[in-house]
Amino acid sequence: MELWRDEDGHQINHKALKHPMRYVYILQSINFPERFYVGSTNDIARRILEHNQDKSHYSSIYAPWKLKTYTAFTDDQQACKFEKYLKTSSGRAFAIKRL
């Protein structure tokens, strides 16, 4: 069971939250470090495993992957907008410079 902390430092079980988190993540290819993959999911560990088990056509070409960064959202629409932004040229530039 994965535990998270609230702003006061108290542990909380993220699976018990009323609104599950949506993660926007960036993967970096281990064999081709100039290659990145942006995606979103509600289960980041499962999704990375799927990418590394060739269950995604695009990502299987550059597998194996490692997690570079992720951002958690409580709002699915915000997560979707951020994922789309990261897939634009300005979003890629932002990610390279800031993430």
PDB file of N, CA and C in Angstrom:
ATOM      1  N   MET A   1       0.840  -1.166   0.000  1.00  0.00           N
ATOM      2  CA  MET A   1       0.000   0.000   0.000  1.00  0.00           C
ATOM      3  C   MET A   1       0.895   1.242   0.000  1.00  0.00           C
ATOM      4  N   GLU A   2       0.637   2.124  -0.934  1.00  0.00           N
ATOM      5  CA  GLU A   2       1.433   3.336  -1.067  1.00  0.00           C
ATOM      6  C   GLU A   2       0.824   4.436  -0.202  1.00  0.00           C
ATOM      7  N   LEU A   3       1.648   5.093   0.610  1.00  0.00           N
ATOM      8  CA  LEU A   3       1.169   6.162   1.478  1.00  0.00           C
ATOM      9  C   LEU A   3       1.666   7.508   0.993  1.00  0.00           C
ATOM     10  N   TRP A   4       0.813   8.502   1.137  1.00  0.00           N
ATOM     11  CA  TRP A   4       1.135   9.869   0.774  1.00  0.00           C
ATOM     12  C   TRP A   4       0.979  10.722   2.013  1.00  0.00           C
ATOM     13  N   ARG A   5       1.490  11.933   1.969  1.00  0.00           N
ATOM     14  CA  ARG A   5       1.369  12.855   3.094  1.00  0.00           C
ATOM     15  C   ARG A   5       0.567  14.080   2.675  1.00  0.00           C
ATOM     16  N   ASP A   6      -0.287  14.544   3.603  1.00  0.00           N
ATOM     17  CA  ASP A   6      -1.014  15.783   3.341  1.00  0.00           C
ATOM     18  C   ASP A   6      -0.129  16.965   3.702  1.00  0.00           C
ATOM     19  N   GLU A   7      -0.672  18.182   3.584  1.00  0.00           N
ATOM     20  CA  GLU A   7       0.156  19.374   3.826  1.00  0.00           C
ATOM     21  C   GLU A   7       0.648  19.489   5.261  1.00  0.00           C
ATOM     22  N   ASP A   8       0.006  18.774   6.198  1.00  0.00           N
ATOM     23  CA  ASP A   8       0.442  18.778   7.594  1.00  0.00           C
ATOM     24  C   ASP A   8       1.415  17.637   7.908  1.00  0.00           C
ATOM     25  N   GLY A   9       1.739  16.829   6.894  1.00  0.00           N
ATOM     26  CA  GLY A   9       2.682  15.738   7.087  1.00  0.00           C
ATOM     27  C   GLY A   9       2.047  14.435   7.541  1.00  0.00           C
ATOM     28  N   HIS A  10       0.712  14.384   7.645  1.00  0.00           N
ATOM     29  CA  HIS A  10       0.034  13.155   8.050  1.00  0.00           C
ATOM     30  C   HIS A  10      -0.051  12.196   6.870  1.00  0.00           C
ATOM     31  N   GLN A  11       0.144  10.913   7.147  1.00  0.00           N
ATOM     32  CA  GLN A  11       0.064   9.922   6.084  1.00  0.00           C
ATOM     33  C   GLN A  11      -1.388   9.697   5.677  1.00  0.00           C
ATOM     34  N   ILE A  12      -1.601   9.564   4.361  1.00  0.00           N
ATOM     35  CA  ILE A  12      -2.928   9.219   3.838  1.00  0.00           C
ATOM     36  C   ILE A  12      -2.757   8.135   2.782  1.00  0.00           C
ATOM     37  N   ASN A  13      -3.731   7.313   2.646  1.00  0.00           N
ATOM     38  CA  ASN A  13      -3.748   6.282   1.615  1.00  0.00           C
ATOM     39  C   ASN A  13      -4.361   6.907   0.380  1.00  0.00           C
ATOM     40  N   HIS A  14      -3.575   7.064  -0.711  1.00  0.00           N
ATOM     41  CA  HIS A  14      -4.082   7.731  -1.907  1.00  0.00           C
ATOM     42  C   HIS A  14      -5.248   6.993  -2.545  1.00  0.00           C
ATOM     43  N   LYS A  15      -5.364   5.685  -2.332  1.00  0.00           N
ATOM     44  CA  LYS A  15      -6.476   4.931  -2.910  1.00  0.00           C
ATOM     45  C   LYS A  15      -7.786   5.204  -2.184  1.00  0.00           C
ATOM     46  N   ALA A  16      -7.698   5.796  -1.004  1.00  0.00           N
ATOM     47  CA  ALA A  16      -8.896   6.103  -0.236  1.00  0.00           C
ATOM     48  C   ALA A  16      -9.423   7.508  -0.533  1.00  0.00           C
ATOM     49  N   LEU A  17      -8.728   8.257  -1.352  1.00  0.00           N
ATOM     50  CA  LEU A  17      -9.185   9.600  -1.682  1.00  0.00           C
ATOM     51  C   LEU A  17     -10.506   9.532  -2.444  1.00  0.00           C
ATOM     52  N   LYS A  18     -11.377  10.511  -2.202  1.00  0.00           N
ATOM     53  CA  LYS A  18     -12.659  10.543  -2.907  1.00  0.00           C
ATOM     54  C   LYS A  18     -12.455  10.680  -4.409  1.00  0.00           C
ATOM     55  N   HIS A  19     -11.475  11.458  -4.805  1.00  0.00           N
ATOM     56  CA  HIS A  19     -11.205  11.676  -6.217  1.00  0.00           C
ATOM     57  C   HIS A  19      -9.832  11.095  -6.534  1.00  0.00           C
ATOM     58  N   PRO A  20      -9.804   9.961  -7.227  1.00  0.00           N
ATOM     59  CA  PRO A  20      -8.510   9.354  -7.541  1.00  0.00           C
ATOM     60  C   PRO A  20      -7.655  10.302  -8.377  1.00  0.00           C
ATOM     61  N   MET A  21      -6.368  10.161  -8.228  1.00  0.00           N
ATOM     62  CA  MET A  21      -5.433  11.008  -8.943  1.00  0.00           C
ATOM     63  C   MET A  21      -5.290  10.548 -10.396  1.00  0.00           C
ATOM     64  N   ARG A  22      -5.028  11.507 -11.248  1.00  0.00           N
ATOM     65  CA  ARG A  22      -4.687  11.250 -12.650  1.00  0.00           C
ATOM     66  C   ARG A  22      -3.258  11.742 -12.826  1.00  0.00           C
ATOM     67  N   TYR A  23      -2.388  10.895 -13.328  1.00  0.00           N
ATOM     68  CA  TYR A  23      -0.976  11.221 -13.461  1.00  0.00           C
ATOM     69  C   TYR A  23      -0.629  11.498 -14.916  1.00  0.00           C
ATOM     70  N   VAL A  24       0.039  12.602 -15.155  1.00  0.00           N
ATOM     71  CA  VAL A  24       0.646  12.877 -16.457  1.00  0.00           C
ATOM     72  C   VAL A  24       2.127  12.607 -16.261  1.00  0.00           C
ATOM     73  N   TYR A  25       2.676  11.744 -17.104  1.00  0.00           N
ATOM     74  CA  TYR A  25       4.038  11.291 -16.884  1.00  0.00           C
ATOM     75  C   TYR A  25       4.888  11.457 -18.143  1.00  0.00           C
ATOM     76  N   ILE A  26       6.188  11.544 -17.919  1.00  0.00           N
ATOM     77  CA  ILE A  26       7.157  11.575 -19.005  1.00  0.00           C
ATOM     78  C   ILE A  26       8.127  10.426 -18.772  1.00  0.00           C
ATOM     79  N   LEU A  27       8.232   9.564 -19.774  1.00  0.00           N
ATOM     80  CA  LEU A  27       9.192   8.468 -19.740  1.00  0.00           C
ATOM     81  C   LEU A  27      10.372   8.813 -20.630  1.00  0.00           C
ATOM     82  N   GLN A  28      11.538   8.304 -20.270  1.00  0.00           N
ATOM     83  CA  GLN A  28      12.728   8.466 -21.093  1.00  0.00           C
ATOM     84  C   GLN A  28      13.243   7.081 -21.444  1.00  0.00           C
ATOM     85  N   SER A  29      13.546   6.879 -22.716  1.00  0.00           N
ATOM     86  CA  SER A  29      14.083   5.599 -23.151  1.00  0.00           C
ATOM     87  C   SER A  29      15.482   5.395 -22.568  1.00  0.00           C
ATOM     88  N   ILE A  30      15.720   4.215 -22.052  1.00  0.00           N
ATOM     89  CA  ILE A  30      17.043   3.897 -21.501  1.00  0.00           C
ATOM     90  C   ILE A  30      18.059   3.697 -22.624  1.00  0.00           C
ATOM     91  N   ASN A  31      17.642   3.033 -23.708  1.00  0.00           N
ATOM     92  CA  ASN A  31      18.559   2.750 -24.815  1.00  0.00           C
ATOM     93  C   ASN A  31      18.691   3.912 -25.797  1.00  0.00           C
ATOM     94  N   PHE A  32      17.684   4.786 -25.839  1.00  0.00           N
ATOM     95  CA  PHE A  32      17.676   5.950 -26.727  1.00  0.00           C
ATOM     96  C   PHE A  32      17.328   7.175 -25.886  1.00  0.00           C
ATOM     97  N   PRO A  33      18.269   7.685 -25.084  1.00  0.00           N
ATOM     98  CA  PRO A  33      17.968   8.728 -24.095  1.00  0.00           C
ATOM     99  C   PRO A  33      17.412  10.030 -24.680  1.00  0.00           C
ATOM    100  N   GLU A  34      17.506  10.213 -25.988  1.00  0.00           N
ATOM    101  CA  GLU A  34      16.917  11.405 -26.602  1.00  0.00           C
ATOM    102  C   GLU A  34      15.424  11.229 -26.888  1.00  0.00           C
ATOM    103  N   ARG A  35      14.898  10.041 -26.634  1.00  0.00           N
ATOM    104  CA  ARG A  35      13.485   9.736 -26.876  1.00  0.00           C
ATOM    105  C   ARG A  35      12.683   9.803 -25.580  1.00  0.00           C
ATOM    106  N   PHE A  36      11.538  10.481 -25.662  1.00  0.00           N
ATOM    107  CA  PHE A  36      10.643  10.639 -24.523  1.00  0.00           C
ATOM    108  C   PHE A  36       9.244  10.221 -24.917  1.00  0.00           C
ATOM    109  N   TYR A  37       8.475   9.829 -23.938  1.00  0.00           N
ATOM    110  CA  TYR A  37       7.069   9.473 -24.157  1.00  0.00           C
ATOM    111  C   TYR A  37       6.241  10.183 -23.098  1.00  0.00           C
ATOM    112  N   VAL A  38       5.161  10.845 -23.521  1.00  0.00           N
ATOM    113  CA  VAL A  38       4.255  11.538 -22.609  1.00  0.00           C
ATOM    114  C   VAL A  38       2.930  10.786 -22.609  1.00  0.00           C
ATOM    115  N   GLY A  39       2.389  10.541 -21.432  1.00  0.00           N
ATOM    116  CA  GLY A  39       1.100   9.863 -21.323  1.00  0.00           C
ATOM    117  C   GLY A  39       0.406  10.222 -20.029  1.00  0.00           C
ATOM    118  N   SER A  40      -0.767   9.647 -19.822  1.00  0.00           N
ATOM    119  CA  SER A  40      -1.496   9.853 -18.566  1.00  0.00           C
ATOM    120  C   SER A  40      -2.172   8.555 -18.166  1.00  0.00           C
ATOM    121  N   THR A  41      -2.397   8.412 -16.875  1.00  0.00           N
ATOM    122  CA  THR A  41      -2.968   7.184 -16.332  1.00  0.00           C
ATOM    123  C   THR A  41      -3.448   7.425 -14.904  1.00  0.00           C
ATOM    124  N   ASN A  42      -4.242   6.510 -14.392  1.00  0.00           N
ATOM    125  CA  ASN A  42      -4.603   6.570 -12.976  1.00  0.00           C
ATOM    126  C   ASN A  42      -3.782   5.563 -12.157  1.00  0.00           C
ATOM    127  N   ASP A  43      -2.929   4.786 -12.825  1.00  0.00           N
ATOM    128  CA  ASP A  43      -2.066   3.815 -12.145  1.00  0.00           C
ATOM    129  C   ASP A  43      -0.697   3.839 -12.825  1.00  0.00           C
ATOM    130  N   ILE A  44       0.168   4.672 -12.329  1.00  0.00           N
ATOM    131  CA  ILE A  44       1.449   4.919 -13.001  1.00  0.00           C
ATOM    132  C   ILE A  44       2.363   3.692 -12.997  1.00  0.00           C
ATOM    133  N   ALA A  45       2.384   2.941 -11.918  1.00  0.00           N
ATOM    134  CA  ALA A  45       3.249   1.747 -11.856  1.00  0.00           C
ATOM    135  C   ALA A  45       2.817   0.718 -12.901  1.00  0.00           C
ATOM    136  N   ARG A  46       1.516   0.479 -12.993  1.00  0.00           N
ATOM    137  CA  ARG A  46       0.999  -0.471 -13.987  1.00  0.00           C
ATOM    138  C   ARG A  46       1.313  -0.007 -15.398  1.00  0.00           C
ATOM    139  N   ARG A  47       1.145   1.293 -15.654  1.00  0.00           N
ATOM    140  CA  ARG A  47       1.335   1.813 -17.006  1.00  0.00           C
ATOM    141  C   ARG A  47       2.803   1.717 -17.438  1.00  0.00           C
ATOM    142  N   ILE A  48       3.732   2.001 -16.552  1.00  0.00           N
ATOM    143  CA  ILE A  48       5.153   1.883 -16.901  1.00  0.00           C
ATOM    144  C   ILE A  48       5.489   0.424 -17.198  1.00  0.00           C
ATOM    145  N   LEU A  49       4.942  -0.468 -16.400  1.00  0.00           N
ATOM    146  CA  LEU A  49       5.152  -1.900 -16.643  1.00  0.00           C
ATOM    147  C   LEU A  49       4.634  -2.286 -18.025  1.00  0.00           C
ATOM    148  N   GLU A  50       3.457  -1.781 -18.404  1.00  0.00           N
ATOM    149  CA  GLU A  50       2.906  -2.075 -19.733  1.00  0.00           C
ATOM    150  C   GLU A  50       3.808  -1.544 -20.842  1.00  0.00           C
ATOM    151  N   HIS A  51       4.331  -0.337 -20.666  1.00  0.00           N
ATOM    152  CA  HIS A  51       5.249   0.211 -21.669  1.00  0.00           C
ATOM    153  C   HIS A  51       6.482  -0.678 -21.812  1.00  0.00           C
ATOM    154  N   ASN A  52       6.978  -1.189 -20.714  1.00  0.00           N
ATOM    155  CA  ASN A  52       8.184  -2.010 -20.754  1.00  0.00           C
ATOM    156  C   ASN A  52       7.920  -3.458 -21.142  1.00  0.00           C
ATOM    157  N   GLN A  53       6.649  -3.844 -21.232  1.00  0.00           N
ATOM    158  CA  GLN A  53       6.290  -5.195 -21.670  1.00  0.00           C
ATOM    159  C   GLN A  53       5.748  -5.185 -23.100  1.00  0.00           C
ATOM    160  N   ASP A  54       6.051  -4.126 -23.834  1.00  0.00           N
ATOM    161  CA  ASP A  54       5.670  -4.011 -25.254  1.00  0.00           C
ATOM    162  C   ASP A  54       4.163  -4.050 -25.491  1.00  0.00           C
ATOM    163  N   LYS A  55       3.381  -3.489 -24.577  1.00  0.00           N
ATOM    164  CA  LYS A  55       1.931  -3.462 -24.749  1.00  0.00           C
ATOM    165  C   LYS A  55       1.449  -2.169 -25.412  1.00  0.00           C
ATOM    166  N   SER A  56       2.377  -1.313 -25.789  1.00  0.00           N
ATOM    167  CA  SER A  56       2.054  -0.074 -26.481  1.00  0.00           C
ATOM    168  C   SER A  56       2.922  -0.019 -27.735  1.00  0.00           C
ATOM    169  N   HIS A  57       2.296   0.098 -28.913  1.00  0.00           N
ATOM    170  CA  HIS A  57       3.040   0.013 -30.171  1.00  0.00           C
ATOM    171  C   HIS A  57       4.184   1.026 -30.240  1.00  0.00           C
ATOM    172  N   TYR A  58       3.899   2.308 -30.045  1.00  0.00           N
ATOM    173  CA  TYR A  58       4.954   3.321 -30.175  1.00  0.00           C
ATOM    174  C   TYR A  58       6.053   3.112 -29.144  1.00  0.00           C
ATOM    175  N   SER A  59       5.663   2.943 -27.915  1.00  0.00           N
ATOM    176  CA  SER A  59       6.683   2.872 -26.863  1.00  0.00           C
ATOM    177  C   SER A  59       7.498   1.584 -26.922  1.00  0.00           C
ATOM    178  N   SER A  60       6.983   0.526 -27.544  1.00  0.00           N
ATOM    179  CA  SER A  60       7.737  -0.731 -27.604  1.00  0.00           C
ATOM    180  C   SER A  60       9.001  -0.587 -28.450  1.00  0.00           C
ATOM    181  N   ILE A  61       8.991   0.328 -29.394  1.00  0.00           N
ATOM    182  CA  ILE A  61      10.146   0.532 -30.262  1.00  0.00           C
ATOM    183  C   ILE A  61      11.360   1.000 -29.467  1.00  0.00           C
ATOM    184  N   TYR A  62      11.123   1.818 -28.440  1.00  0.00           N
ATOM    185  CA  TYR A  62      12.212   2.432 -27.687  1.00  0.00           C
ATOM    186  C   TYR A  62      12.360   1.887 -26.258  1.00  0.00           C
ATOM    187  N   ALA A  63      11.677   0.790 -25.949  1.00  0.00           N
ATOM    188  CA  ALA A  63      11.764   0.190 -24.613  1.00  0.00           C
ATOM    189  C   ALA A  63      13.168  -0.337 -24.369  1.00  0.00           C
ATOM    190  N   PRO A  64      13.620  -0.428 -23.154  1.00  0.00           N
ATOM    191  CA  PRO A  64      12.907  -0.149 -21.903  1.00  0.00           C
ATOM    192  C   PRO A  64      12.890   1.343 -21.570  1.00  0.00           C
ATOM    193  N   TRP A  65      11.932   1.707 -20.700  1.00  0.00           N
ATOM    194  CA  TRP A  65      11.716   3.095 -20.300  1.00  0.00           C
ATOM    195  C   TRP A  65      11.973   3.272 -18.813  1.00  0.00           C
ATOM    196  N   LYS A  66      12.332   4.506 -18.460  1.00  0.00           N
ATOM    197  CA  LYS A  66      12.408   4.872 -17.045  1.00  0.00           C
ATOM    198  C   LYS A  66      11.561   6.128 -16.857  1.00  0.00           C
ATOM    199  N   LEU A  67      11.028   6.276 -15.666  1.00  0.00           N
ATOM    200  CA  LEU A  67      10.204   7.437 -15.354  1.00  0.00           C
ATOM    201  C   LEU A  67      11.099   8.646 -15.157  1.00  0.00           C
ATOM    202  N   LYS A  68      10.865   9.695 -15.946  1.00  0.00           N
ATOM    203  CA  LYS A  68      11.629  10.939 -15.793  1.00  0.00           C
ATOM    204  C   LYS A  68      10.944  11.837 -14.776  1.00  0.00           C
ATOM    205  N   THR A  69       9.629  12.032 -14.930  1.00  0.00           N
ATOM    206  CA  THR A  69       8.871  12.863 -13.992  1.00  0.00           C
ATOM    207  C   THR A  69       7.381  12.586 -14.151  1.00  0.00           C
ATOM    208  N   TYR A  70       6.610  13.001 -13.176  1.00  0.00           N
ATOM    209  CA  TYR A  70       5.157  12.927 -13.295  1.00  0.00           C
ATOM    210  C   TYR A  70       4.536  14.046 -12.472  1.00  0.00           C
ATOM    211  N   THR A  71       3.320  14.394 -12.845  1.00  0.00           N
ATOM    212  CA  THR A  71       2.526  15.379 -12.116  1.00  0.00           C
ATOM    213  C   THR A  71       1.181  14.749 -11.827  1.00  0.00           C
ATOM    214  N   ALA A  72       0.704  14.880 -10.594  1.00  0.00           N
ATOM    215  CA  ALA A  72      -0.572  14.304 -10.187  1.00  0.00           C
ATOM    216  C   ALA A  72      -1.660  15.373 -10.212  1.00  0.00           C
ATOM    217  N   PHE A  73      -2.816  15.009 -10.741  1.00  0.00           N
ATOM    218  CA  PHE A  73      -3.963  15.903 -10.832  1.00  0.00           C
ATOM    219  C   PHE A  73      -5.175  15.246 -10.184  1.00  0.00           C
ATOM    220  N   THR A  74      -6.009  16.042  -9.546  1.00  0.00           N
ATOM    221  CA  THR A  74      -7.288  15.538  -9.048  1.00  0.00           C
ATOM    222  C   THR A  74      -8.389  15.774 -10.080  1.00  0.00           C
ATOM    223  N   ASP A  75      -8.117  16.570 -11.088  1.00  0.00           N
ATOM    224  CA  ASP A  75      -9.098  16.912 -12.110  1.00  0.00           C
ATOM    225  C   ASP A  75      -8.666  16.303 -13.448  1.00  0.00           C
ATOM    226  N   ASP A  76      -9.487  15.397 -13.990  1.00  0.00           N
ATOM    227  CA  ASP A  76      -9.146  14.712 -15.244  1.00  0.00           C
ATOM    228  C   ASP A  76      -8.983  15.683 -16.407  1.00  0.00           C
ATOM    229  N   GLN A  77      -9.804  16.721 -16.458  1.00  0.00           N
ATOM    230  CA  GLN A  77      -9.724  17.678 -17.564  1.00  0.00           C
ATOM    231  C   GLN A  77      -8.410  18.450 -17.529  1.00  0.00           C
ATOM    232  N   GLN A  78      -7.971  18.842 -16.335  1.00  0.00           N
ATOM    233  CA  GLN A  78      -6.685  19.528 -16.223  1.00  0.00           C
ATOM    234  C   GLN A  78      -5.548  18.605 -16.644  1.00  0.00           C
ATOM    235  N   ALA A  79      -5.625  17.344 -16.252  1.00  0.00           N
ATOM    236  CA  ALA A  79      -4.595  16.367 -16.625  1.00  0.00           C
ATOM    237  C   ALA A  79      -4.553  16.212 -18.143  1.00  0.00           C
ATOM    238  N   CYS A  80      -5.710  16.113 -18.767  1.00  0.00           N
ATOM    239  CA  CYS A  80      -5.787  15.957 -20.219  1.00  0.00           C
ATOM    240  C   CYS A  80      -5.195  17.175 -20.929  1.00  0.00           C
ATOM    241  N   LYS A  81      -5.510  18.361 -20.445  1.00  0.00           N
ATOM    242  CA  LYS A  81      -4.973  19.587 -21.048  1.00  0.00           C
ATOM    243  C   LYS A  81      -3.458  19.657 -20.899  1.00  0.00           C
ATOM    244  N   PHE A  82      -2.949  19.266 -19.723  1.00  0.00           N
ATOM    245  CA  PHE A  82      -1.500  19.308 -19.497  1.00  0.00           C
ATOM    246  C   PHE A  82      -0.795  18.283 -20.378  1.00  0.00           C
ATOM    247  N   GLU A  83      -1.369  17.093 -20.501  1.00  0.00           N
ATOM    248  CA  GLU A  83      -0.781  16.074 -21.370  1.00  0.00           C
ATOM    249  C   GLU A  83      -0.723  16.581 -22.812  1.00  0.00           C
ATOM    250  N   LYS A  84      -1.816  17.159 -23.296  1.00  0.00           N
ATOM    251  CA  LYS A  84      -1.837  17.692 -24.662  1.00  0.00           C
ATOM    252  C   LYS A  84      -0.810  18.801 -24.830  1.00  0.00           C
ATOM    253  N   TYR A  85      -0.673  19.655 -23.820  1.00  0.00           N
ATOM    254  CA  TYR A  85       0.309  20.730 -23.879  1.00  0.00           C
ATOM    255  C   TYR A  85       1.728  20.162 -23.980  1.00  0.00           C
ATOM    256  N   LEU A  86       2.043  19.159 -23.173  1.00  0.00           N
ATOM    257  CA  LEU A  86       3.384  18.581 -23.199  1.00  0.00           C
ATOM    258  C   LEU A  86       3.718  17.947 -24.546  1.00  0.00           C
ATOM    259  N   LYS A  87       2.697  17.612 -25.330  1.00  0.00           N
ATOM    260  CA  LYS A  87       2.918  17.009 -26.644  1.00  0.00           C
ATOM    261  C   LYS A  87       3.071  18.049 -27.747  1.00  0.00           C
ATOM    262  N   THR A  88       2.949  19.340 -27.410  1.00  0.00           N
ATOM    263  CA  THR A  88       3.171  20.411 -28.383  1.00  0.00           C
ATOM    264  C   THR A  88       4.650  20.792 -28.377  1.00  0.00           C
ATOM    265  N   SER A  89       5.056  21.564 -29.372  1.00  0.00           N
ATOM    266  CA  SER A  89       6.466  21.977 -29.419  1.00  0.00           C
ATOM    267  C   SER A  89       6.829  22.855 -28.224  1.00  0.00           C
ATOM    268  N   SER A  90       5.939  23.755 -27.810  1.00  0.00           N
ATOM    269  CA  SER A  90       6.248  24.588 -26.643  1.00  0.00           C
ATOM    270  C   SER A  90       6.223  23.761 -25.364  1.00  0.00           C
ATOM    271  N   GLY A  91       5.352  22.769 -25.295  1.00  0.00           N
ATOM    272  CA  GLY A  91       5.318  21.881 -24.134  1.00  0.00           C
ATOM    273  C   GLY A  91       6.563  21.031 -24.029  1.00  0.00           C
ATOM    274  N   ARG A  92       7.057  20.554 -25.162  1.00  0.00           N
ATOM    275  CA  ARG A  92       8.309  19.783 -25.146  1.00  0.00           C
ATOM    276  C   ARG A  92       9.475  20.655 -24.698  1.00  0.00           C
ATOM    277  N   ALA A  93       9.507  21.894 -25.179  1.00  0.00           N
ATOM    278  CA  ALA A  93      10.556  22.820 -24.763  1.00  0.00           C
ATOM    279  C   ALA A  93      10.478  23.081 -23.262  1.00  0.00           C
ATOM    280  N   PHE A  94       9.265  23.269 -22.755  1.00  0.00           N
ATOM    281  CA  PHE A  94       9.066  23.463 -21.318  1.00  0.00           C
ATOM    282  C   PHE A  94       9.584  22.256 -20.532  1.00  0.00           C
ATOM    283  N   ALA A  95       9.216  21.067 -20.973  1.00  0.00           N
ATOM    284  CA  ALA A  95       9.615  19.850 -20.258  1.00  0.00           C
ATOM    285  C   ALA A  95      11.126  19.678 -20.252  1.00  0.00           C
ATOM    286  N   ILE A  96      11.767  19.951 -21.365  1.00  0.00           N
ATOM    287  CA  ILE A  96      13.233  19.805 -21.449  1.00  0.00           C
ATOM    288  C   ILE A  96      13.912  20.802 -20.522  1.00  0.00           C
ATOM    289  N   LYS A  97      13.392  22.032 -20.479  1.00  0.00           N
ATOM    290  CA  LYS A  97      14.037  23.072 -19.695  1.00  0.00           C
ATOM    291  C   LYS A  97      13.694  22.989 -18.202  1.00  0.00           C
ATOM    292  N   ARG A  98      12.453  22.617 -17.874  1.00  0.00           N
ATOM    293  CA  ARG A  98      11.976  22.729 -16.498  1.00  0.00           C
ATOM    294  C   ARG A  98      11.751  21.428 -15.760  1.00  0.00           C
ATOM    295  N   LEU A  99      11.580  20.328 -16.470  1.00  0.00           N
ATOM    296  CA  LEU A  99      11.213  19.090 -15.769  1.00  0.00           C
ATOM    297  C   LEU A  99      12.378  18.126 -15.683  1.00  0.00           C
TER     298      LEU A  99
END
